[in-house]
Amino acid sequence: DQASFPSGHSSGAAVFATMTSKNID
């Protein structure tokens, strides 16, 4: 299909990781 950019999986993993890191602070 034409839904290559950007990656939804990568953005989802990154937003989870960033918020988790902020919470760990």
PDB file of all heavy atoms in Angstrom:
ATOM      1  N   ASP A   1       0.853  -1.189   0.000  1.00  0.00           N
ATOM      2  CA  ASP A   1       0.000   0.000   0.000  1.00  0.00           C
ATOM      3  C   ASP A   1       0.884   1.232   0.000  1.00  0.00           C
ATOM      4  O   ASP A   1       2.110   1.136  -0.133  1.00  0.00           O
ATOM      5  CB  ASP A   1      -0.956  -0.007   1.202  1.00  0.00           C
ATOM      6  CG  ASP A   1      -0.232  -0.126   2.539  1.00  0.00           C
ATOM      7  OD1 ASP A   1       0.854   0.479   2.679  1.00  0.00           O
ATOM      8  OD2 ASP A   1      -0.740  -0.821   3.437  1.00  0.00           O
ATOM      9  N   GLN A   2       0.245   2.413   0.141  1.00  0.00           N
ATOM     10  CA  GLN A   2       0.986   3.676   0.142  1.00  0.00           C
ATOM     11  C   GLN A   2       1.033   4.286   1.539  1.00  0.00           C
ATOM     12  O   GLN A   2       0.801   5.483   1.725  1.00  0.00           O
ATOM     13  CB  GLN A   2       0.339   4.664  -0.838  1.00  0.00           C
ATOM     14  CG  GLN A   2       0.598   4.365  -2.308  1.00  0.00           C
ATOM     15  CD  GLN A   2      -0.131   3.133  -2.807  1.00  0.00           C
ATOM     16  OE1 GLN A   2      -1.332   2.974  -2.568  1.00  0.00           O
ATOM     17  NE2 GLN A   2       0.581   2.251  -3.491  1.00  0.00           N
ATOM     18  N   ALA A   3       1.311   3.475   2.544  1.00  0.00           N
ATOM     19  CA  ALA A   3       1.351   3.956   3.932  1.00  0.00           C
ATOM     20  C   ALA A   3       2.709   3.680   4.563  1.00  0.00           C
ATOM     21  O   ALA A   3       2.799   3.305   5.728  1.00  0.00           O
ATOM     22  CB  ALA A   3       0.235   3.295   4.746  1.00  0.00           C
ATOM     23  N   SER A   4       3.769   3.885   3.797  1.00  0.00           N
ATOM     24  CA  SER A   4       5.101   3.541   4.284  1.00  0.00           C
ATOM     25  C   SER A   4       5.687   4.584   5.227  1.00  0.00           C
ATOM     26  O   SER A   4       6.350   4.236   6.202  1.00  0.00           O
ATOM     27  CB  SER A   4       6.054   3.339   3.099  1.00  0.00           C
ATOM     28  OG  SER A   4       7.303   2.836   3.529  1.00  0.00           O
ATOM     29  N   PHE A   5       5.434   5.866   4.947  1.00  0.00           N
ATOM     30  CA  PHE A   5       6.087   6.936   5.723  1.00  0.00           C
ATOM     31  C   PHE A   5       5.078   7.710   6.560  1.00  0.00           C
ATOM     32  O   PHE A   5       4.082   8.200   6.021  1.00  0.00           O
ATOM     33  CB  PHE A   5       6.780   7.917   4.770  1.00  0.00           C
ATOM     34  CG  PHE A   5       7.536   9.006   5.475  1.00  0.00           C
ATOM     35  CD1 PHE A   5       8.869   8.831   5.799  1.00  0.00           C
ATOM     36  CD2 PHE A   5       6.915  10.197   5.807  1.00  0.00           C
ATOM     37  CE1 PHE A   5       9.573   9.853   6.443  1.00  0.00           C
ATOM     38  CE2 PHE A   5       7.607  11.206   6.454  1.00  0.00           C
ATOM     39  CZ  PHE A   5       8.938  11.029   6.773  1.00  0.00           C
ATOM     40  N   PRO A   6       5.350   7.825   7.868  1.00  0.00           N
ATOM     41  CA  PRO A   6       6.397   7.181   8.658  1.00  0.00           C
ATOM     42  C   PRO A   6       5.912   5.862   9.240  1.00  0.00           C
ATOM     43  O   PRO A   6       4.746   5.492   9.063  1.00  0.00           O
ATOM     44  CB  PRO A   6       6.650   8.201   9.766  1.00  0.00           C
ATOM     45  CG  PRO A   6       5.292   8.825   9.981  1.00  0.00           C
ATOM     46  CD  PRO A   6       4.612   8.849   8.640  1.00  0.00           C
ATOM     47  N   SER A   7       6.776   5.171   9.960  1.00  0.00           N
ATOM     48  CA  SER A   7       6.419   3.884  10.560  1.00  0.00           C
ATOM     49  C   SER A   7       5.608   4.079  11.835  1.00  0.00           C
ATOM     50  O   SER A   7       6.054   4.732  12.778  1.00  0.00           O
ATOM     51  CB  SER A   7       7.693   3.098  10.882  1.00  0.00           C
ATOM     52  OG  SER A   7       7.417   2.015  11.745  1.00  0.00           O
ATOM     53  N   GLY A   8       4.415   3.489  11.862  1.00  0.00           N
ATOM     54  CA  GLY A   8       3.572   3.575  13.051  1.00  0.00           C
ATOM     55  C   GLY A   8       4.120   2.761  14.208  1.00  0.00           C
ATOM     56  O   GLY A   8       4.035   3.181  15.369  1.00  0.00           O
ATOM     57  N   HIS A   9       4.686   1.581  13.913  1.00  0.00           N
ATOM     58  CA  HIS A   9       5.274   0.761  14.977  1.00  0.00           C
ATOM     59  C   HIS A   9       6.435   1.488  15.650  1.00  0.00           C
ATOM     60  O   HIS A   9       6.552   1.491  16.879  1.00  0.00           O
ATOM     61  CB  HIS A   9       5.762  -0.575  14.413  1.00  0.00           C
ATOM     62  CG  HIS A   9       4.703  -1.609  14.259  1.00  0.00           C
ATOM     63  ND1 HIS A   9       3.697  -1.516  13.318  1.00  0.00           N
ATOM     64  CD2 HIS A   9       4.486  -2.785  14.929  1.00  0.00           C
ATOM     65  CE1 HIS A   9       2.913  -2.569  13.400  1.00  0.00           C
ATOM     66  NE2 HIS A   9       3.356  -3.353  14.371  1.00  0.00           N
ATOM     67  N   SER A  10       7.296   2.096  14.839  1.00  0.00           N
ATOM     68  CA  SER A  10       8.460   2.789  15.397  1.00  0.00           C
ATOM     69  C   SER A  10       8.050   3.995  16.222  1.00  0.00           C
ATOM     70  O   SER A  10       8.610   4.251  17.296  1.00  0.00           O
ATOM     71  CB  SER A  10       9.402   3.226  14.266  1.00  0.00           C
ATOM     72  OG  SER A  10       9.860   2.117  13.536  1.00  0.00           O
ATOM     73  N   SER A  11       7.090   4.764  15.736  1.00  0.00           N
ATOM     74  CA  SER A  11       6.628   5.931  16.492  1.00  0.00           C
ATOM     75  C   SER A  11       5.950   5.496  17.784  1.00  0.00           C
ATOM     76  O   SER A  11       6.126   6.126  18.829  1.00  0.00           O
ATOM     77  CB  SER A  11       5.676   6.773  15.642  1.00  0.00           C
ATOM     78  OG  SER A  11       4.555   6.023  15.231  1.00  0.00           O
ATOM     79  N   GLY A  12       5.192   4.398  17.737  1.00  0.00           N
ATOM     80  CA  GLY A  12       4.545   3.900  18.942  1.00  0.00           C
ATOM     81  C   GLY A  12       5.551   3.433  19.979  1.00  0.00           C
ATOM     82  O   GLY A  12       5.437   3.752  21.172  1.00  0.00           O
ATOM     83  N   ALA A  13       6.564   2.663  19.542  1.00  0.00           N
ATOM     84  CA  ALA A  13       7.593   2.197  20.473  1.00  0.00           C
ATOM     85  C   ALA A  13       8.358   3.374  21.060  1.00  0.00           C
ATOM     86  O   ALA A  13       8.698   3.383  22.252  1.00  0.00           O
ATOM     87  CB  ALA A  13       8.549   1.248  19.757  1.00  0.00           C
ATOM     88  N   ALA A  14       8.628   4.402  20.236  1.00  0.00           N
ATOM     89  CA  ALA A  14       9.382   5.558  20.711  1.00  0.00           C
ATOM     90  C   ALA A  14       8.589   6.389  21.708  1.00  0.00           C
ATOM     91  O   ALA A  14       9.141   6.871  22.705  1.00  0.00           O
ATOM     92  CB  ALA A  14       9.815   6.425  19.522  1.00  0.00           C
ATOM     93  N   VAL A  15       7.306   6.581  21.453  1.00  0.00           N
ATOM     94  CA  VAL A  15       6.512   7.384  22.386  1.00  0.00           C
ATOM     95  C   VAL A  15       6.354   6.649  23.711  1.00  0.00           C
ATOM     96  O   VAL A  15       6.426   7.262  24.792  1.00  0.00           O
ATOM     97  CB  VAL A  15       5.138   7.754  21.786  1.00  0.00           C
ATOM     98  CG1 VAL A  15       4.165   6.596  21.827  1.00  0.00           C
ATOM     99  CG2 VAL A  15       4.540   8.959  22.500  1.00  0.00           C
ATOM    100  N   PHE A  16       6.188   5.320  23.676  1.00  0.00           N
ATOM    101  CA  PHE A  16       6.119   4.545  24.917  1.00  0.00           C
ATOM    102  C   PHE A  16       7.433   4.634  25.683  1.00  0.00           C
ATOM    103  O   PHE A  16       7.447   4.841  26.901  1.00  0.00           O
ATOM    104  CB  PHE A  16       5.798   3.081  24.619  1.00  0.00           C
ATOM    105  CG  PHE A  16       4.349   2.812  24.332  1.00  0.00           C
ATOM    106  CD1 PHE A  16       3.985   1.954  23.309  1.00  0.00           C
ATOM    107  CD2 PHE A  16       3.351   3.387  25.095  1.00  0.00           C
ATOM    108  CE1 PHE A  16       2.647   1.678  23.046  1.00  0.00           C
ATOM    109  CE2 PHE A  16       2.006   3.127  24.843  1.00  0.00           C
ATOM    110  CZ  PHE A  16       1.662   2.268  23.811  1.00  0.00           C
ATOM    111  N   ALA A  17       8.557   4.472  24.963  1.00  0.00           N
ATOM    112  CA  ALA A  17       9.867   4.501  25.612  1.00  0.00           C
ATOM    113  C   ALA A  17      10.153   5.861  26.227  1.00  0.00           C
ATOM    114  O   ALA A  17      10.693   5.955  27.336  1.00  0.00           O
ATOM    115  CB  ALA A  17      10.957   4.140  24.605  1.00  0.00           C
ATOM    116  N   THR A  18       9.786   6.922  25.520  1.00  0.00           N
ATOM    117  CA  THR A  18      10.039   8.276  26.030  1.00  0.00           C
ATOM    118  C   THR A  18       9.214   8.559  27.279  1.00  0.00           C
ATOM    119  O   THR A  18       9.727   9.084  28.277  1.00  0.00           O
ATOM    120  CB  THR A  18       9.711   9.315  24.947  1.00  0.00           C
ATOM    121  OG1 THR A  18      10.518   9.066  23.794  1.00  0.00           O
ATOM    122  CG2 THR A  18       9.981  10.724  25.454  1.00  0.00           C
ATOM    123  N   MET A  19       7.942   8.215  27.256  1.00  0.00           N
ATOM    124  CA  MET A  19       7.095   8.464  28.423  1.00  0.00           C
ATOM    125  C   MET A  19       7.514   7.580  29.596  1.00  0.00           C
ATOM    126  O   MET A  19       7.468   8.005  30.755  1.00  0.00           O
ATOM    127  CB  MET A  19       5.627   8.244  28.056  1.00  0.00           C
ATOM    128  CG  MET A  19       5.108   9.263  27.066  1.00  0.00           C
ATOM    129  SD  MET A  19       3.315   9.219  26.751  1.00  0.00           S
ATOM    130  CE  MET A  19       3.117   7.555  26.098  1.00  0.00           C
ATOM    131  N   THR A  20       7.930   6.340  29.312  1.00  0.00           N
ATOM    132  CA  THR A  20       8.433   5.468  30.375  1.00  0.00           C
ATOM    133  C   THR A  20       9.675   6.075  31.011  1.00  0.00           C
ATOM    134  O   THR A  20       9.821   6.093  32.237  1.00  0.00           O
ATOM    135  CB  THR A  20       8.773   4.080  29.818  1.00  0.00           C
ATOM    136  OG1 THR A  20       7.599   3.484  29.265  1.00  0.00           O
ATOM    137  CG2 THR A  20       9.315   3.168  30.911  1.00  0.00           C
ATOM    138  N   SER A  21      10.591   6.587  30.179  1.00  0.00           N
ATOM    139  CA  SER A  21      11.805   7.211  30.684  1.00  0.00           C
ATOM    140  C   SER A  21      11.481   8.427  31.545  1.00  0.00           C
ATOM    141  O   SER A  21      12.080   8.635  32.612  1.00  0.00           O
ATOM    142  CB  SER A  21      12.695   7.617  29.511  1.00  0.00           C
ATOM    143  OG  SER A  21      13.867   8.260  29.962  1.00  0.00           O
ATOM    144  N   LYS A  22      10.526   9.231  31.107  1.00  0.00           N
ATOM    145  CA  LYS A  22      10.109  10.400  31.887  1.00  0.00           C
ATOM    146  C   LYS A  22       9.520   9.978  33.238  1.00  0.00           C
ATOM    147  O   LYS A  22       9.764  10.617  34.268  1.00  0.00           O
ATOM    148  CB  LYS A  22       9.072  11.209  31.105  1.00  0.00           C
ATOM    149  CG  LYS A  22       9.604  11.877  29.852  1.00  0.00           C
ATOM    150  CD  LYS A  22      10.451  13.081  30.173  1.00  0.00           C
ATOM    151  CE  LYS A  22      10.845  13.832  28.922  1.00  0.00           C
ATOM    152  NZ  LYS A  22      11.674  15.027  29.233  1.00  0.00           N
ATOM    153  N   ASN A  23       8.743   8.901  33.225  1.00  0.00           N
ATOM    154  CA  ASN A  23       8.150   8.425  34.474  1.00  0.00           C
ATOM    155  C   ASN A  23       9.214   7.887  35.427  1.00  0.00           C
ATOM    156  O   ASN A  23       9.137   8.087  36.647  1.00  0.00           O
ATOM    157  CB  ASN A  23       7.119   7.331  34.176  1.00  0.00           C
ATOM    158  CG  ASN A  23       5.919   7.858  33.407  1.00  0.00           C
ATOM    159  OD1 ASN A  23       5.672   9.068  33.374  1.00  0.00           O
ATOM    160  ND2 ASN A  23       5.165   6.964  32.786  1.00  0.00           N
ATOM    161  N   ILE A  24      10.219   7.199  34.876  1.00  0.00           N
ATOM    162  CA  ILE A  24      11.297   6.661  35.704  1.00  0.00           C
ATOM    163  C   ILE A  24      12.066   7.784  36.398  1.00  0.00           C
ATOM    164  O   ILE A  24      12.591   7.604  37.503  1.00  0.00           O
ATOM    165  CB  ILE A  24      12.227   5.780  34.842  1.00  0.00           C
ATOM    166  CG1 ILE A  24      11.516   4.458  34.506  1.00  0.00           C
ATOM    167  CG2 ILE A  24      13.545   5.501  35.554  1.00  0.00           C
ATOM    168  CD1 ILE A  24      12.283   3.568  33.547  1.00  0.00           C
ATOM    169  N   ASP A  25      12.118   8.958  35.760  1.00  0.00           N
ATOM    170  CA  ASP A  25      12.801  10.103  36.377  1.00  0.00           C
ATOM    171  C   ASP A  25      12.229  10.459  37.740  1.00  0.00           C
ATOM    172  O   ASP A  25      12.907  11.090  38.552  1.00  0.00           O
ATOM    173  CB  ASP A  25      12.705  11.338  35.466  1.00  0.00           C
ATOM    174  CG  ASP A  25      13.722  11.299  34.334  1.00  0.00           C
ATOM    175  OD1 ASP A  25      14.725  10.572  34.463  1.00  0.00           O
ATOM    176  OD2 ASP A  25      13.495  11.982  33.318  1.00  0.00           O
TER     177      ASP A  25
END
